[in-house]
């Protein structure tokens, strides 16, 4: 689990979706799969689930699109809230420590 994320994690996106069927049928706003922590080569995907409002991170496991270690970092009811909270994200998603920027922005909204 990444520091600054919810205490609840799911092994993979399959388990995450199985817990709430809305996650599987909902549109998602994809915010990139190139987020990294300083000193790590792991890439993380950030996405927002429209029907639940969940902004989540998962470890991007490769070119097949699979993800593991899923954590919800915030719940935002509207896409406009995501846009406001993460304004400028496109410029930071490939930075060596871009993930820390996301976690600082979402910390006040952290899901317990």
PDB file of N, CA and C in Angstrom:
ATOM      1  N   UNK A   1       0.843  -1.189   0.000  1.00  0.00           N
ATOM      2  CA  UNK A   1       0.000   0.000   0.000  1.00  0.00           C
ATOM      3  C   UNK A   1       0.884   1.246   0.000  1.00  0.00           C
ATOM      4  N   UNK A   2       0.463   2.230  -0.732  1.00  0.00           N
ATOM      5  CA  UNK A   2       1.164   3.517  -0.803  1.00  0.00           C
ATOM      6  C   UNK A   2       0.760   4.346   0.412  1.00  0.00           C
ATOM      7  N   UNK A   3       1.721   4.972   1.062  1.00  0.00           N
ATOM      8  CA  UNK A   3       1.428   5.868   2.183  1.00  0.00           C
ATOM      9  C   UNK A   3       0.519   6.988   1.694  1.00  0.00           C
ATOM     10  N   UNK A   4      -0.502   7.313   2.481  1.00  0.00           N
ATOM     11  CA  UNK A   4      -1.420   8.381   2.112  1.00  0.00           C
ATOM     12  C   UNK A   4      -2.676   7.898   1.416  1.00  0.00           C
ATOM     13  N   UNK A   5      -2.801   6.575   1.258  1.00  0.00           N
ATOM     14  CA  UNK A   5      -4.010   6.035   0.648  1.00  0.00           C
ATOM     15  C   UNK A   5      -4.894   5.429   1.729  1.00  0.00           C
ATOM     16  N   UNK A   6      -6.055   4.975   1.328  1.00  0.00           N
ATOM     17  CA  UNK A   6      -7.005   4.414   2.289  1.00  0.00           C
ATOM     18  C   UNK A   6      -6.435   3.163   2.950  1.00  0.00           C
ATOM     19  N   UNK A   7      -6.946   2.843   4.104  1.00  0.00           N
ATOM     20  CA  UNK A   7      -6.525   1.639   4.796  1.00  0.00           C
ATOM     21  C   UNK A   7      -7.006   0.384   4.093  1.00  0.00           C
ATOM     22  N   UNK A   8      -8.040   0.508   3.269  1.00  0.00           N
ATOM     23  CA  UNK A   8      -8.578  -0.634   2.536  1.00  0.00           C
ATOM     24  C   UNK A   8      -7.873  -0.741   1.197  1.00  0.00           C
ATOM     25  N   UNK A   9      -7.385  -1.926   0.905  1.00  0.00           N
ATOM     26  CA  UNK A   9      -6.806  -2.187  -0.396  1.00  0.00           C
ATOM     27  C   UNK A   9      -7.436  -3.451  -0.965  1.00  0.00           C
ATOM     28  N   UNK A  10      -7.369  -3.558  -2.259  1.00  0.00           N
ATOM     29  CA  UNK A  10      -7.850  -4.738  -2.955  1.00  0.00           C
ATOM     30  C   UNK A  10      -6.672  -5.309  -3.718  1.00  0.00           C
ATOM     31  N   UNK A  11      -6.619  -6.607  -3.831  1.00  0.00           N
ATOM     32  CA  UNK A  11      -5.487  -7.264  -4.482  1.00  0.00           C
ATOM     33  C   UNK A  11      -5.326  -6.825  -5.933  1.00  0.00           C
ATOM     34  N   UNK A  12      -6.450  -6.610  -6.605  1.00  0.00           N
ATOM     35  CA  UNK A  12      -6.414  -6.209  -8.009  1.00  0.00           C
ATOM     36  C   UNK A  12      -7.731  -5.541  -8.378  1.00  0.00           C
ATOM     37  N   UNK A  13      -7.824  -5.090  -9.617  1.00  0.00           N
ATOM     38  CA  UNK A  13      -9.045  -4.408 -10.048  1.00  0.00           C
ATOM     39  C   UNK A  13     -10.238  -5.351 -10.100  1.00  0.00           C
ATOM     40  N   UNK A  14     -10.011  -6.621 -10.336  1.00  0.00           N
ATOM     41  CA  UNK A  14     -11.104  -7.593 -10.344  1.00  0.00           C
ATOM     42  C   UNK A  14     -11.769  -7.625  -8.971  1.00  0.00           C
ATOM     43  N   UNK A  15     -10.973  -7.685  -7.910  1.00  0.00           N
ATOM     44  CA  UNK A  15     -11.514  -7.692  -6.546  1.00  0.00           C
ATOM     45  C   UNK A  15     -12.180  -6.360  -6.216  1.00  0.00           C
ATOM     46  N   UNK A  16     -11.595  -5.275  -6.664  1.00  0.00           N
ATOM     47  CA  UNK A  16     -12.153  -3.937  -6.441  1.00  0.00           C
ATOM     48  C   UNK A  16     -13.539  -3.833  -7.067  1.00  0.00           C
ATOM     49  N   UNK A  17     -13.686  -4.264  -8.296  1.00  0.00           N
ATOM     50  CA  UNK A  17     -14.966  -4.207  -9.000  1.00  0.00           C
ATOM     51  C   UNK A  17     -15.970  -5.182  -8.392  1.00  0.00           C
ATOM     52  N   UNK A  18     -15.509  -6.351  -7.964  1.00  0.00           N
ATOM     53  CA  UNK A  18     -16.415  -7.363  -7.404  1.00  0.00           C
ATOM     54  C   UNK A  18     -17.113  -6.862  -6.143  1.00  0.00           C
ATOM     55  N   UNK A  19     -16.476  -5.968  -5.401  1.00  0.00           N
ATOM     56  CA  UNK A  19     -17.067  -5.464  -4.166  1.00  0.00           C
ATOM     57  C   UNK A  19     -18.216  -4.477  -4.400  1.00  0.00           C
ATOM     58  N   UNK A  20     -18.213  -3.807  -5.551  1.00  0.00           N
ATOM     59  CA  UNK A  20     -19.264  -2.835  -5.868  1.00  0.00           C
ATOM     60  C   UNK A  20     -19.468  -2.852  -7.377  1.00  0.00           C
ATOM     61  N   UNK A  21     -20.558  -3.424  -7.820  1.00  0.00           N
ATOM     62  CA  UNK A  21     -20.793  -3.614  -9.255  1.00  0.00           C
ATOM     63  C   UNK A  21     -20.829  -2.302 -10.049  1.00  0.00           C
ATOM     64  N   UNK A  22     -21.092  -1.187  -9.379  1.00  0.00           N
ATOM     65  CA  UNK A  22     -21.098   0.103 -10.078  1.00  0.00           C
ATOM     66  C   UNK A  22     -19.725   0.411 -10.655  1.00  0.00           C
ATOM     67  N   UNK A  23     -18.685  -0.052 -10.002  1.00  0.00           N
ATOM     68  CA  UNK A  23     -17.321   0.199 -10.475  1.00  0.00           C
ATOM     69  C   UNK A  23     -17.075  -0.430 -11.844  1.00  0.00           C
ATOM     70  N   UNK A  24     -17.673  -1.558 -12.089  1.00  0.00           N
ATOM     71  CA  UNK A  24     -17.474  -2.269 -13.342  1.00  0.00           C
ATOM     72  C   UNK A  24     -18.276  -1.721 -14.501  1.00  0.00           C
ATOM     73  N   UNK A  25     -19.432  -1.176 -14.210  1.00  0.00           N
ATOM     74  CA  UNK A  25     -20.283  -0.689 -15.304  1.00  0.00           C
ATOM     75  C   UNK A  25     -20.143   0.812 -15.539  1.00  0.00           C
ATOM     76  N   UNK A  26     -19.485   1.503 -14.656  1.00  0.00           N
ATOM     77  CA  UNK A  26     -19.354   2.951 -14.734  1.00  0.00           C
ATOM     78  C   UNK A  26     -18.300   3.389 -15.744  1.00  0.00           C
ATOM     79  N   UNK A  27     -18.511   4.561 -16.314  1.00  0.00           N
ATOM     80  CA  UNK A  27     -17.449   5.218 -17.067  1.00  0.00           C
ATOM     81  C   UNK A  27     -16.359   5.613 -16.083  1.00  0.00           C
ATOM     82  N   UNK A  28     -15.138   5.658 -16.575  1.00  0.00           N
ATOM     83  CA  UNK A  28     -14.015   6.098 -15.754  1.00  0.00           C
ATOM     84  C   UNK A  28     -13.254   7.207 -16.463  1.00  0.00           C
ATOM     85  N   UNK A  29     -12.741   8.108 -15.676  1.00  0.00           N
ATOM     86  CA  UNK A  29     -11.844   9.147 -16.167  1.00  0.00           C
ATOM     87  C   UNK A  29     -10.435   8.653 -15.878  1.00  0.00           C
ATOM     88  N   UNK A  30      -9.678   8.350 -16.918  1.00  0.00           N
ATOM     89  CA  UNK A  30      -8.320   7.829 -16.762  1.00  0.00           C
ATOM     90  C   UNK A  30      -7.347   8.996 -16.669  1.00  0.00           C
ATOM     91  N   UNK A  31      -6.602   9.039 -15.581  1.00  0.00           N
ATOM     92  CA  UNK A  31      -5.643  10.120 -15.341  1.00  0.00           C
ATOM     93  C   UNK A  31      -4.200   9.647 -15.497  1.00  0.00           C
ATOM     94  N   UNK A  32      -4.023   8.588 -16.237  1.00  0.00           N
ATOM     95  CA  UNK A  32      -2.681   8.128 -16.561  1.00  0.00           C
ATOM     96  C   UNK A  32      -2.198   6.956 -15.738  1.00  0.00           C
ATOM     97  N   UNK A  33      -1.278   6.207 -16.340  1.00  0.00           N
ATOM     98  CA  UNK A  33      -0.689   5.033 -15.684  1.00  0.00           C
ATOM     99  C   UNK A  33       0.826   5.179 -15.613  1.00  0.00           C
ATOM    100  N   UNK A  34       1.290   6.406 -15.453  1.00  0.00           N
ATOM    101  CA  UNK A  34       2.729   6.665 -15.425  1.00  0.00           C
ATOM    102  C   UNK A  34       3.142   7.401 -14.154  1.00  0.00           C
ATOM    103  N   UNK A  35       2.312   7.351 -13.130  1.00  0.00           N
ATOM    104  CA  UNK A  35       2.628   8.018 -11.861  1.00  0.00           C
ATOM    105  C   UNK A  35       3.674   7.202 -11.118  1.00  0.00           C
ATOM    106  N   UNK A  36       4.673   7.882 -10.561  1.00  0.00           N
ATOM    107  CA  UNK A  36       5.739   7.188  -9.836  1.00  0.00           C
ATOM    108  C   UNK A  36       6.059   7.883  -8.524  1.00  0.00           C
ATOM    109  N   UNK A  37       6.596   7.083  -7.600  1.00  0.00           N
ATOM    110  CA  UNK A  37       7.157   7.606  -6.348  1.00  0.00           C
ATOM    111  C   UNK A  37       8.655   7.790  -6.557  1.00  0.00           C
ATOM    112  N   UNK A  38       9.232   8.751  -5.865  1.00  0.00           N
ATOM    113  CA  UNK A  38      10.679   8.967  -5.957  1.00  0.00           C
ATOM    114  C   UNK A  38      11.413   7.673  -5.595  1.00  0.00           C
ATOM    115  N   UNK A  39      12.384   7.317  -6.413  1.00  0.00           N
ATOM    116  CA  UNK A  39      13.210   6.151  -6.132  1.00  0.00           C
ATOM    117  C   UNK A  39      12.595   4.815  -6.504  1.00  0.00           C
ATOM    118  N   UNK A  40      11.425   4.823  -7.108  1.00  0.00           N
ATOM    119  CA  UNK A  40      10.765   3.568  -7.464  1.00  0.00           C
ATOM    120  C   UNK A  40      10.523   3.514  -8.976  1.00  0.00           C
ATOM    121  N   UNK A  41      10.629   2.327  -9.516  1.00  0.00           N
ATOM    122  CA  UNK A  41      10.313   2.134 -10.931  1.00  0.00           C
ATOM    123  C   UNK A  41       8.865   1.704 -11.143  1.00  0.00           C
ATOM    124  N   UNK A  42       8.124   1.463 -10.049  1.00  0.00           N
ATOM    125  CA  UNK A  42       6.728   1.060 -10.174  1.00  0.00           C
ATOM    126  C   UNK A  42       5.909   2.196 -10.765  1.00  0.00           C
ATOM    127  N   UNK A  43       5.060   1.858 -11.711  1.00  0.00           N
ATOM    128  CA  UNK A  43       4.134   2.832 -12.291  1.00  0.00           C
ATOM    129  C   UNK A  43       2.752   2.599 -11.687  1.00  0.00           C
ATOM    130  N   UNK A  44       2.049   3.682 -11.426  1.00  0.00           N
ATOM    131  CA  UNK A  44       0.719   3.623 -10.828  1.00  0.00           C
ATOM    132  C   UNK A  44      -0.287   4.270 -11.758  1.00  0.00           C
ATOM    133  N   UNK A  45      -1.466   3.687 -11.807  1.00  0.00           N
ATOM    134  CA  UNK A  45      -2.574   4.234 -12.591  1.00  0.00           C
ATOM    135  C   UNK A  45      -3.477   5.002 -11.645  1.00  0.00           C
ATOM    136  N   UNK A  46      -3.958   6.154 -12.093  1.00  0.00           N
ATOM    137  CA  UNK A  46      -4.901   6.973 -11.338  1.00  0.00           C
ATOM    138  C   UNK A  46      -6.158   7.106 -12.172  1.00  0.00           C
ATOM    139  N   UNK A  47      -7.305   6.823 -11.574  1.00  0.00           N
ATOM    140  CA  UNK A  47      -8.573   6.895 -12.299  1.00  0.00           C
ATOM    141  C   UNK A  47      -9.694   7.297 -11.351  1.00  0.00           C
ATOM    142  N   UNK A  48     -10.742   7.868 -11.934  1.00  0.00           N
ATOM    143  CA  UNK A  48     -11.925   8.281 -11.181  1.00  0.00           C
ATOM    144  C   UNK A  48     -13.128   7.525 -11.733  1.00  0.00           C
ATOM    145  N   UNK A  49     -13.913   6.908 -10.837  1.00  0.00           N
ATOM    146  CA  UNK A  49     -15.092   6.139 -11.210  1.00  0.00           C
ATOM    147  C   UNK A  49     -16.312   7.055 -11.100  1.00  0.00           C
ATOM    148  N   UNK A  50     -16.926   7.347 -12.218  1.00  0.00           N
ATOM    149  CA  UNK A  50     -18.033   8.306 -12.262  1.00  0.00           C
ATOM    150  C   UNK A  50     -19.197   7.920 -11.323  1.00  0.00           C
ATOM    151  N   UNK A  51     -19.625   6.668 -11.321  1.00  0.00           N
ATOM    152  CA  UNK A  51     -20.815   6.276 -10.551  1.00  0.00           C
ATOM    153  C   UNK A  51     -20.595   6.231  -9.039  1.00  0.00           C
ATOM    154  N   UNK A  52     -19.358   6.077  -8.596  1.00  0.00           N
ATOM    155  CA  UNK A  52     -19.097   6.016  -7.150  1.00  0.00           C
ATOM    156  C   UNK A  52     -18.365   7.248  -6.638  1.00  0.00           C
ATOM    157  N   UNK A  53     -17.769   8.003  -7.550  1.00  0.00           N
ATOM    158  CA  UNK A  53     -16.983   9.170  -7.158  1.00  0.00           C
ATOM    159  C   UNK A  53     -15.603   8.825  -6.624  1.00  0.00           C
ATOM    160  N   UNK A  54     -15.211   7.563  -6.721  1.00  0.00           N
ATOM    161  CA  UNK A  54     -13.932   7.128  -6.154  1.00  0.00           C
ATOM    162  C   UNK A  54     -12.768   7.473  -7.084  1.00  0.00           C
ATOM    163  N   UNK A  55     -11.790   8.129  -6.507  1.00  0.00           N
ATOM    164  CA  UNK A  55     -10.521   8.366  -7.175  1.00  0.00           C
ATOM    165  C   UNK A  55      -9.573   7.310  -6.632  1.00  0.00           C
ATOM    166  N   UNK A  56      -9.066   6.458  -7.496  1.00  0.00           N
ATOM    167  CA  UNK A  56      -8.252   5.353  -6.995  1.00  0.00           C
ATOM    168  C   UNK A  56      -6.927   5.229  -7.721  1.00  0.00           C
ATOM    169  N   UNK A  57      -5.998   4.612  -7.013  1.00  0.00           N
ATOM    170  CA  UNK A  57      -4.678   4.277  -7.525  1.00  0.00           C
ATOM    171  C   UNK A  57      -4.557   2.768  -7.602  1.00  0.00           C
ATOM    172  N   UNK A  58      -3.837   2.294  -8.594  1.00  0.00           N
ATOM    173  CA  UNK A  58      -3.475   0.879  -8.633  1.00  0.00           C
ATOM    174  C   UNK A  58      -2.137   0.742  -9.345  1.00  0.00           C
ATOM    175  N   UNK A  59      -1.394  -0.250  -8.919  1.00  0.00           N
ATOM    176  CA  UNK A  59      -0.075  -0.496  -9.522  1.00  0.00           C
ATOM    177  C   UNK A  59      -0.291  -1.050 -10.928  1.00  0.00           C
ATOM    178  N   UNK A  60       0.239  -0.349 -11.923  1.00  0.00           N
ATOM    179  CA  UNK A  60       0.112  -0.775 -13.317  1.00  0.00           C
ATOM    180  C   UNK A  60       1.120  -1.899 -13.564  1.00  0.00           C
ATOM    181  N   UNK A  61       0.603  -3.069 -13.866  1.00  0.00           N
ATOM    182  CA  UNK A  61       1.458  -4.249 -13.937  1.00  0.00           C
ATOM    183  C   UNK A  61       2.035  -4.550 -15.311  1.00  0.00           C
ATOM    184  N   UNK A  62       1.657  -3.833 -16.304  1.00  0.00           N
ATOM    185  CA  UNK A  62       2.251  -4.097 -17.612  1.00  0.00           C
ATOM    186  C   UNK A  62       1.361  -3.639 -18.739  1.00  0.00           C
ATOM    187  N   UNK A  63       1.762  -4.042 -19.907  1.00  0.00           N
ATOM    188  CA  UNK A  63       1.088  -3.593 -21.118  1.00  0.00           C
ATOM    189  C   UNK A  63      -0.307  -4.186 -21.285  1.00  0.00           C
ATOM    190  N   UNK A  64      -0.625  -5.226 -20.534  1.00  0.00           N
ATOM    191  CA  UNK A  64      -1.949  -5.838 -20.680  1.00  0.00           C
ATOM    192  C   UNK A  64      -3.035  -5.040 -19.969  1.00  0.00           C
ATOM    193  N   UNK A  65      -2.675  -3.983 -19.263  1.00  0.00           N
ATOM    194  CA  UNK A  65      -3.664  -3.126 -18.614  1.00  0.00           C
ATOM    195  C   UNK A  65      -4.088  -3.572 -17.234  1.00  0.00           C
ATOM    196  N   UNK A  66      -3.536  -4.659 -16.731  1.00  0.00           N
ATOM    197  CA  UNK A  66      -3.926  -5.128 -15.409  1.00  0.00           C
ATOM    198  C   UNK A  66      -3.297  -4.255 -14.325  1.00  0.00           C
ATOM    199  N   UNK A  67      -3.978  -4.221 -13.196  1.00  0.00           N
ATOM    200  CA  UNK A  67      -3.510  -3.454 -12.045  1.00  0.00           C
ATOM    201  C   UNK A  67      -3.668  -4.277 -10.776  1.00  0.00           C
ATOM    202  N   UNK A  68      -2.758  -4.047  -9.836  1.00  0.00           N
ATOM    203  CA  UNK A  68      -2.850  -4.675  -8.525  1.00  0.00           C
ATOM    204  C   UNK A  68      -2.744  -3.584  -7.466  1.00  0.00           C
ATOM    205  N   UNK A  69      -2.906  -3.975  -6.217  1.00  0.00           N
ATOM    206  CA  UNK A  69      -2.745  -3.055  -5.078  1.00  0.00           C
ATOM    207  C   UNK A  69      -3.610  -1.806  -5.237  1.00  0.00           C
ATOM    208  N   UNK A  70      -4.917  -2.010  -5.334  1.00  0.00           N
ATOM    209  CA  UNK A  70      -5.861  -0.916  -5.552  1.00  0.00           C
ATOM    210  C   UNK A  70      -6.193  -0.237  -4.230  1.00  0.00           C
ATOM    211  N   UNK A  71      -6.148   1.104  -4.221  1.00  0.00           N
ATOM    212  CA  UNK A  71      -6.509   1.906  -3.051  1.00  0.00           C
ATOM    213  C   UNK A  71      -7.293   3.132  -3.492  1.00  0.00           C
ATOM    214  N   UNK A  72      -8.336   3.460  -2.750  1.00  0.00           N
ATOM    215  CA  UNK A  72      -9.096   4.678  -3.001  1.00  0.00           C
ATOM    216  C   UNK A  72      -8.404   5.813  -2.254  1.00  0.00           C
ATOM    217  N   UNK A  73      -8.114   6.916  -2.960  1.00  0.00           N
ATOM    218  CA  UNK A  73      -7.431   8.044  -2.336  1.00  0.00           C
ATOM    219  C   UNK A  73      -8.385   9.177  -1.982  1.00  0.00           C
ATOM    220  N   UNK A  74      -9.553   9.227  -2.608  1.00  0.00           N
ATOM    221  CA  UNK A  74     -10.532  10.277  -2.316  1.00  0.00           C
ATOM    222  C   UNK A  74     -11.863   9.894  -2.952  1.00  0.00           C
ATOM    223  N   UNK A  75     -12.913  10.524  -2.460  1.00  0.00           N
ATOM    224  CA  UNK A  75     -14.227  10.397  -3.089  1.00  0.00           C
ATOM    225  C   UNK A  75     -14.663  11.802  -3.477  1.00  0.00           C
ATOM    226  N   UNK A  76     -14.878  11.978  -4.765  1.00  0.00           N
ATOM    227  CA  UNK A  76     -15.252  13.269  -5.333  1.00  0.00           C
ATOM    228  C   UNK A  76     -16.514  13.077  -6.166  1.00  0.00           C
ATOM    229  N   UNK A  77     -17.597  13.740  -5.810  1.00  0.00           N
ATOM    230  CA  UNK A  77     -18.876  13.461  -6.463  1.00  0.00           C
ATOM    231  C   UNK A  77     -18.972  13.885  -7.931  1.00  0.00           C
ATOM    232  N   UNK A  78     -18.198  14.888  -8.337  1.00  0.00           N
ATOM    233  CA  UNK A  78     -18.339  15.404  -9.696  1.00  0.00           C
ATOM    234  C   UNK A  78     -16.993  15.458 -10.408  1.00  0.00           C
ATOM    235  N   UNK A  79     -17.024  15.272 -11.714  1.00  0.00           N
ATOM    236  CA  UNK A  79     -15.796  15.362 -12.497  1.00  0.00           C
ATOM    237  C   UNK A  79     -15.160  16.742 -12.355  1.00  0.00           C
ATOM    238  N   UNK A  80     -15.983  17.767 -12.212  1.00  0.00           N
ATOM    239  CA  UNK A  80     -15.448  19.120 -12.011  1.00  0.00           C
ATOM    240  C   UNK A  80     -14.615  19.194 -10.736  1.00  0.00           C
ATOM    241  N   UNK A  81     -14.984  18.417  -9.711  1.00  0.00           N
ATOM    242  CA  UNK A  81     -14.205  18.375  -8.469  1.00  0.00           C
ATOM    243  C   UNK A  81     -12.842  17.739  -8.710  1.00  0.00           C
ATOM    244  N   UNK A  82     -12.813  16.708  -9.533  1.00  0.00           N
ATOM    245  CA  UNK A  82     -11.550  16.051  -9.888  1.00  0.00           C
ATOM    246  C   UNK A  82     -10.665  17.046 -10.647  1.00  0.00           C
ATOM    247  N   UNK A  83     -11.268  17.728 -11.621  1.00  0.00           N
ATOM    248  CA  UNK A  83     -10.527  18.705 -12.413  1.00  0.00           C
ATOM    249  C   UNK A  83      -9.921  19.791 -11.533  1.00  0.00           C
ATOM    250  N   UNK A  84     -10.696  20.272 -10.581  1.00  0.00           N
ATOM    251  CA  UNK A  84     -10.212  21.337  -9.697  1.00  0.00           C
ATOM    252  C   UNK A  84      -9.095  20.841  -8.783  1.00  0.00           C
ATOM    253  N   UNK A  85      -9.315  19.679  -8.163  1.00  0.00           N
ATOM    254  CA  UNK A  85      -8.340  19.129  -7.226  1.00  0.00           C
ATOM    255  C   UNK A  85      -7.006  18.823  -7.901  1.00  0.00           C
ATOM    256  N   UNK A  86      -7.078  18.295  -9.113  1.00  0.00           N
ATOM    257  CA  UNK A  86      -5.874  17.813  -9.791  1.00  0.00           C
ATOM    258  C   UNK A  86      -5.474  18.689 -10.984  1.00  0.00           C
ATOM    259  N   UNK A  87      -5.824  19.954 -10.915  1.00  0.00           N
ATOM    260  CA  UNK A  87      -5.466  20.864 -11.998  1.00  0.00           C
ATOM    261  C   UNK A  87      -3.955  20.810 -12.239  1.00  0.00           C
ATOM    262  N   UNK A  88      -3.586  20.612 -13.494  1.00  0.00           N
ATOM    263  CA  UNK A  88      -2.176  20.521 -13.859  1.00  0.00           C
ATOM    264  C   UNK A  88      -1.615  19.106 -13.874  1.00  0.00           C
ATOM    265  N   UNK A  89      -2.443  18.098 -13.654  1.00  0.00           N
ATOM    266  CA  UNK A  89      -1.966  16.726 -13.529  1.00  0.00           C
ATOM    267  C   UNK A  89      -1.218  16.235 -14.765  1.00  0.00           C
ATOM    268  N   UNK A  90      -1.624  16.667 -15.935  1.00  0.00           N
ATOM    269  CA  UNK A  90      -0.972  16.180 -17.162  1.00  0.00           C
ATOM    270  C   UNK A  90       0.524  16.514 -17.178  1.00  0.00           C
ATOM    271  N   UNK A  91       0.883  17.633 -16.580  1.00  0.00           N
ATOM    272  CA  UNK A  91       2.285  18.048 -16.548  1.00  0.00           C
ATOM    273  C   UNK A  91       3.103  17.285 -15.514  1.00  0.00           C
ATOM    274  N   UNK A  92       2.440  16.609 -14.584  1.00  0.00           N
ATOM    275  CA  UNK A  92       3.144  15.960 -13.474  1.00  0.00           C
ATOM    276  C   UNK A  92       3.126  14.442 -13.514  1.00  0.00           C
ATOM    277  N   UNK A  93       2.313  13.860 -14.367  1.00  0.00           N
ATOM    278  CA  UNK A  93       2.137  12.396 -14.347  1.00  0.00           C
ATOM    279  C   UNK A  93       3.380  11.615 -14.720  1.00  0.00           C
ATOM    280  N   UNK A  94       4.317  12.241 -15.390  1.00  0.00           N
ATOM    281  CA  UNK A  94       5.551  11.529 -15.751  1.00  0.00           C
ATOM    282  C   UNK A  94       6.760  12.002 -14.947  1.00  0.00           C
ATOM    283  N   UNK A  95       6.538  12.845 -13.975  1.00  0.00           N
ATOM    284  CA  UNK A  95       7.634  13.324 -13.121  1.00  0.00           C
ATOM    285  C   UNK A  95       8.125  12.176 -12.223  1.00  0.00           C
ATOM    286  N   UNK A  96       9.401  12.180 -11.832  1.00  0.00           N
ATOM    287  CA  UNK A  96       9.948  11.097 -11.008  1.00  0.00           C
ATOM    288  C   UNK A  96       9.227  10.916  -9.663  1.00  0.00           C
ATOM    289  N   UNK A  97       8.600  11.970  -9.146  1.00  0.00           N
ATOM    290  CA  UNK A  97       7.863  11.861  -7.883  1.00  0.00           C
ATOM    291  C   UNK A  97       6.465  12.471  -8.013  1.00  0.00           C
ATOM    292  N   UNK A  98       5.867  12.319  -9.187  1.00  0.00           N
ATOM    293  CA  UNK A  98       4.532  12.864  -9.429  1.00  0.00           C
ATOM    294  C   UNK A  98       3.473  12.300  -8.503  1.00  0.00           C
ATOM    295  N   UNK A  99       3.645  11.051  -8.079  1.00  0.00           N
ATOM    296  CA  UNK A  99       2.655  10.428  -7.204  1.00  0.00           C
ATOM    297  C   UNK A  99       2.554  11.153  -5.861  1.00  0.00           C
ATOM    298  N   UNK A 100       3.650  11.661  -5.367  1.00  0.00           N
ATOM    299  CA  UNK A 100       3.610  12.422  -4.113  1.00  0.00           C
ATOM    300  C   UNK A 100       2.746  13.671  -4.254  1.00  0.00           C
ATOM    301  N   UNK A 101       2.785  14.291  -5.416  1.00  0.00           N
ATOM    302  CA  UNK A 101       1.937  15.457  -5.683  1.00  0.00           C
ATOM    303  C   UNK A 101       0.461  15.069  -5.565  1.00  0.00           C
ATOM    304  N   UNK A 102       0.091  13.937  -6.173  1.00  0.00           N
ATOM    305  CA  UNK A 102      -1.298  13.455  -6.086  1.00  0.00           C
ATOM    306  C   UNK A 102      -1.680  13.231  -4.629  1.00  0.00           C
ATOM    307  N   UNK A 103      -0.823  12.561  -3.884  1.00  0.00           N
ATOM    308  CA  UNK A 103      -1.149  12.224  -2.498  1.00  0.00           C
ATOM    309  C   UNK A 103      -1.228  13.461  -1.613  1.00  0.00           C
ATOM    310  N   UNK A 104      -0.416  14.472  -1.875  1.00  0.00           N
ATOM    311  CA  UNK A 104      -0.535  15.727  -1.120  1.00  0.00           C
ATOM    312  C   UNK A 104      -1.857  16.411  -1.429  1.00  0.00           C
ATOM    313  N   UNK A 105      -2.260  16.396  -2.705  1.00  0.00           N
ATOM    314  CA  UNK A 105      -3.513  17.050  -3.097  1.00  0.00           C
ATOM    315  C   UNK A 105      -4.723  16.325  -2.516  1.00  0.00           C
ATOM    316  N   UNK A 106      -4.659  14.994  -2.416  1.00  0.00           N
ATOM    317  CA  UNK A 106      -5.806  14.226  -1.951  1.00  0.00           C
ATOM    318  C   UNK A 106      -5.811  13.994  -0.442  1.00  0.00           C
ATOM    319  N   UNK A 107      -4.705  14.280   0.246  1.00  0.00           N
ATOM    320  CA  UNK A 107      -4.603  14.005   1.685  1.00  0.00           C
ATOM    321  C   UNK A 107      -5.764  14.578   2.509  1.00  0.00           C
ATOM    322  N   UNK A 108      -6.193  15.811   2.258  1.00  0.00           N
ATOM    323  CA  UNK A 108      -7.313  16.339   3.056  1.00  0.00           C
ATOM    324  C   UNK A 108      -8.624  15.574   2.839  1.00  0.00           C
ATOM    325  N   UNK A 109      -8.704  14.805   1.760  1.00  0.00           N
ATOM    326  CA  UNK A 109      -9.923  14.059   1.413  1.00  0.00           C
ATOM    327  C   UNK A 109      -9.767  12.574   1.636  1.00  0.00           C
ATOM    328  N   UNK A 110      -8.685  12.178   2.283  1.00  0.00           N
ATOM    329  CA  UNK A 110      -8.357  10.747   2.429  1.00  0.00           C
ATOM    330  C   UNK A 110      -9.526   9.966   2.981  1.00  0.00           C
ATOM    331  N   UNK A 111      -9.706   8.793   2.412  1.00  0.00           N
ATOM    332  CA  UNK A 111     -10.762   7.870   2.820  1.00  0.00           C
ATOM    333  C   UNK A 111     -10.217   7.004   3.935  1.00  0.00           C
ATOM    334  N   UNK A 112     -10.942   6.936   5.042  1.00  0.00           N
ATOM    335  CA  UNK A 112     -10.475   6.140   6.184  1.00  0.00           C
ATOM    336  C   UNK A 112     -10.780   4.680   6.003  1.00  0.00           C
TER     337      UNK A 112
END
